[in-house]
Amino acid sequence: MNPHETAKGENMTAERGRALALLHAQVLKNTLDGRFLEALSGCEQALVLDPDNADTQHLMGAVHLQAGESELA
């Protein structure tokens, strides 16, 4: 891989990380505001970006618990 491709890949990874951080912040805000469907939608969007992200999976479980859906947590 040439240096240009490496830099491009690093930029894409950084952009995805920033996008996940913004989504996670919005999920937390929606959860605190009692907007659980919006929070879960944000989790689903984050999982599209990174399906194996443990923070997103944890957030999704926490939202389900807050929504009274412990069987889905």
N, C-alpha and C. Protein backbone atom coordinates (compact mmCIF):
# COMPACT_ATOMS: atom_id res chain seq x y z
N MET A 1 0.85 -1.17 0.00
CA MET A 1 0.00 0.00 0.00
C MET A 1 0.90 1.24 0.00
N ASN A 2 0.58 2.18 -0.85
CA ASN A 2 1.42 3.37 -0.91
C ASN A 2 1.00 4.35 0.20
N PRO A 3 1.87 5.33 0.49
CA PRO A 3 1.58 6.27 1.59
C PRO A 3 0.27 7.04 1.41
N HIS A 4 -0.10 7.35 0.17
CA HIS A 4 -1.36 8.06 -0.08
C HIS A 4 -2.56 7.20 0.33
N GLU A 5 -2.50 5.92 0.00
CA GLU A 5 -3.60 5.02 0.36
C GLU A 5 -3.67 4.85 1.88
N THR A 6 -2.51 4.79 2.53
CA THR A 6 -2.48 4.64 3.98
C THR A 6 -3.11 5.86 4.64
N ALA A 7 -2.74 7.06 4.19
CA ALA A 7 -3.30 8.28 4.76
C ALA A 7 -4.81 8.34 4.53
N LYS A 8 -5.25 7.94 3.36
CA LYS A 8 -6.68 7.95 3.05
C LYS A 8 -7.42 6.99 3.99
N GLY A 9 -6.87 5.81 4.21
CA GLY A 9 -7.49 4.85 5.12
C GLY A 9 -7.55 5.36 6.54
N GLU A 10 -6.49 6.04 6.98
CA GLU A 10 -6.48 6.61 8.33
C GLU A 10 -7.51 7.72 8.46
N ASN A 11 -7.68 8.53 7.43
CA ASN A 11 -8.68 9.59 7.45
C ASN A 11 -10.08 9.01 7.53
N MET A 12 -10.34 7.94 6.78
CA MET A 12 -11.66 7.31 6.81
C MET A 12 -11.93 6.74 8.20
N THR A 13 -10.91 6.14 8.82
CA THR A 13 -11.08 5.59 10.16
C THR A 13 -11.36 6.70 11.17
N ALA A 14 -10.64 7.80 11.05
CA ALA A 14 -10.86 8.94 11.96
C ALA A 14 -12.26 9.52 11.76
N GLU A 15 -12.70 9.64 10.52
CA GLU A 15 -14.04 10.16 10.25
C GLU A 15 -15.11 9.24 10.83
N ARG A 16 -14.91 7.95 10.69
CA ARG A 16 -15.88 7.00 11.24
C ARG A 16 -15.90 7.11 12.76
N GLY A 17 -14.74 7.27 13.37
CA GLY A 17 -14.67 7.43 14.82
C GLY A 17 -15.39 8.68 15.29
N ARG A 18 -15.23 9.78 14.56
CA ARG A 18 -15.95 11.01 14.92
C ARG A 18 -17.45 10.83 14.74
N ALA A 19 -17.85 10.17 13.68
CA ALA A 19 -19.28 9.94 13.44
C ALA A 19 -19.87 9.07 14.56
N LEU A 20 -19.13 8.05 14.98
CA LEU A 20 -19.61 7.20 16.07
C LEU A 20 -19.73 8.00 17.37
N ALA A 21 -18.75 8.83 17.64
CA ALA A 21 -18.78 9.63 18.87
C ALA A 21 -20.00 10.56 18.87
N LEU A 22 -20.29 11.18 17.74
CA LEU A 22 -21.46 12.05 17.65
C LEU A 22 -22.75 11.27 17.83
N LEU A 23 -22.82 10.11 17.20
CA LEU A 23 -24.02 9.27 17.36
C LEU A 23 -24.18 8.83 18.81
N HIS A 24 -23.09 8.43 19.45
CA HIS A 24 -23.16 7.99 20.85
C HIS A 24 -23.65 9.13 21.74
N ALA A 25 -23.16 10.34 21.49
CA ALA A 25 -23.60 11.49 22.29
C ALA A 25 -25.09 11.74 22.10
N GLN A 26 -25.56 11.62 20.87
CA GLN A 26 -26.98 11.83 20.60
C GLN A 26 -27.82 10.73 21.25
N VAL A 27 -27.32 9.49 21.22
CA VAL A 27 -28.03 8.38 21.87
C VAL A 27 -28.18 8.66 23.37
N LEU A 28 -27.10 9.11 23.99
CA LEU A 28 -27.16 9.41 25.42
C LEU A 28 -28.16 10.53 25.71
N LYS A 29 -28.13 11.58 24.91
CA LYS A 29 -29.06 12.69 25.11
C LYS A 29 -30.50 12.22 24.94
N ASN A 30 -30.76 11.47 23.87
CA ASN A 30 -32.12 10.97 23.65
C ASN A 30 -32.58 10.07 24.79
N THR A 31 -31.68 9.25 25.29
CA THR A 31 -32.03 8.36 26.40
C THR A 31 -32.38 9.17 27.64
N LEU A 32 -31.54 10.15 27.96
CA LEU A 32 -31.81 10.98 29.14
C LEU A 32 -33.10 11.77 29.00
N ASP A 33 -33.45 12.11 27.78
CA ASP A 33 -34.69 12.84 27.51
C ASP A 33 -35.91 11.92 27.40
N GLY A 34 -35.70 10.60 27.53
CA GLY A 34 -36.80 9.65 27.45
C GLY A 34 -37.24 9.33 26.04
N ARG A 35 -36.44 9.70 25.06
CA ARG A 35 -36.78 9.41 23.65
C ARG A 35 -36.06 8.14 23.23
N PHE A 36 -36.61 7.03 23.67
CA PHE A 36 -35.94 5.75 23.51
C PHE A 36 -35.92 5.26 22.06
N LEU A 37 -36.99 5.49 21.32
CA LEU A 37 -36.99 5.05 19.91
C LEU A 37 -35.91 5.79 19.12
N GLU A 38 -35.77 7.09 19.37
CA GLU A 38 -34.72 7.85 18.69
C GLU A 38 -33.34 7.37 19.11
N ALA A 39 -33.20 7.05 20.40
CA ALA A 39 -31.92 6.54 20.90
C ALA A 39 -31.57 5.22 20.23
N LEU A 40 -32.54 4.33 20.13
CA LEU A 40 -32.29 3.04 19.49
C LEU A 40 -31.98 3.21 18.01
N SER A 41 -32.63 4.16 17.37
CA SER A 41 -32.34 4.44 15.97
C SER A 41 -30.89 4.90 15.81
N GLY A 42 -30.42 5.72 16.73
CA GLY A 42 -29.02 6.16 16.70
C GLY A 42 -28.06 4.99 16.88
N CYS A 43 -28.42 4.06 17.76
CA CYS A 43 -27.60 2.86 17.95
C CYS A 43 -27.54 2.05 16.65
N GLU A 44 -28.67 1.91 16.01
CA GLU A 44 -28.70 1.15 14.76
C GLU A 44 -27.85 1.82 13.68
N GLN A 45 -27.88 3.16 13.63
CA GLN A 45 -27.04 3.88 12.68
C GLN A 45 -25.56 3.66 12.99
N ALA A 46 -25.22 3.68 14.27
CA ALA A 46 -23.83 3.45 14.67
C ALA A 46 -23.38 2.04 14.33
N LEU A 47 -24.28 1.07 14.47
CA LEU A 47 -23.91 -0.31 14.15
C LEU A 47 -23.69 -0.51 12.65
N VAL A 48 -24.34 0.31 11.84
CA VAL A 48 -24.08 0.25 10.39
C VAL A 48 -22.63 0.67 10.12
N LEU A 49 -22.17 1.69 10.84
CA LEU A 49 -20.79 2.17 10.65
C LEU A 49 -19.77 1.16 11.16
N ASP A 50 -20.10 0.52 12.30
CA ASP A 50 -19.15 -0.42 12.91
C ASP A 50 -19.95 -1.49 13.67
N PRO A 51 -20.30 -2.58 12.98
CA PRO A 51 -21.17 -3.60 13.57
C PRO A 51 -20.62 -4.27 14.83
N ASP A 52 -19.32 -4.26 15.03
CA ASP A 52 -18.72 -4.94 16.17
C ASP A 52 -18.33 -3.99 17.30
N ASN A 53 -18.81 -2.75 17.25
CA ASN A 53 -18.41 -1.76 18.24
C ASN A 53 -19.05 -2.07 19.58
N ALA A 54 -18.21 -2.38 20.57
CA ALA A 54 -18.70 -2.77 21.89
C ALA A 54 -19.42 -1.62 22.60
N ASP A 55 -18.94 -0.39 22.41
CA ASP A 55 -19.60 0.75 23.04
C ASP A 55 -21.03 0.91 22.54
N THR A 56 -21.21 0.76 21.24
CA THR A 56 -22.55 0.87 20.66
C THR A 56 -23.44 -0.25 21.18
N GLN A 57 -22.93 -1.46 21.22
CA GLN A 57 -23.72 -2.58 21.71
C GLN A 57 -24.11 -2.37 23.17
N HIS A 58 -23.18 -1.85 23.95
CA HIS A 58 -23.45 -1.57 25.37
C HIS A 58 -24.53 -0.49 25.49
N LEU A 59 -24.39 0.59 24.70
CA LEU A 59 -25.40 1.65 24.72
C LEU A 59 -26.78 1.13 24.36
N MET A 60 -26.83 0.26 23.36
CA MET A 60 -28.12 -0.29 22.94
C MET A 60 -28.76 -1.07 24.09
N GLY A 61 -27.97 -1.85 24.79
CA GLY A 61 -28.49 -2.58 25.95
C GLY A 61 -28.97 -1.65 27.04
N ALA A 62 -28.21 -0.58 27.28
CA ALA A 62 -28.58 0.39 28.31
C ALA A 62 -29.89 1.11 27.95
N VAL A 63 -30.06 1.43 26.69
CA VAL A 63 -31.29 2.09 26.24
C VAL A 63 -32.47 1.15 26.46
N HIS A 64 -32.30 -0.11 26.10
CA HIS A 64 -33.39 -1.08 26.31
C HIS A 64 -33.74 -1.18 27.80
N LEU A 65 -32.72 -1.20 28.66
CA LEU A 65 -33.00 -1.25 30.10
C LEU A 65 -33.77 -0.02 30.56
N GLN A 66 -33.34 1.14 30.12
CA GLN A 66 -34.01 2.38 30.52
C GLN A 66 -35.46 2.42 30.01
N ALA A 67 -35.67 1.80 28.86
CA ALA A 67 -37.02 1.77 28.27
C ALA A 67 -37.90 0.68 28.90
N GLY A 68 -37.35 -0.06 29.85
CA GLY A 68 -38.11 -1.12 30.50
C GLY A 68 -38.18 -2.39 29.70
N GLU A 69 -37.25 -2.56 28.77
CA GLU A 69 -37.22 -3.74 27.91
C GLU A 69 -36.01 -4.60 28.27
N SER A 70 -35.98 -5.07 29.51
CA SER A 70 -34.81 -5.82 29.98
C SER A 70 -34.57 -7.11 29.20
N GLU A 71 -35.65 -7.66 28.63
CA GLU A 71 -35.48 -8.90 27.86
C GLU A 71 -34.71 -8.65 26.56
N LEU A 72 -34.63 -7.41 26.11
CA LEU A 72 -33.89 -7.09 24.89
C LEU A 72 -32.50 -6.55 25.17
N ALA A 73 -32.22 -6.28 26.44
CA ALA A 73 -30.94 -5.66 26.79
C ALA A 73 -29.76 -6.59 26.61
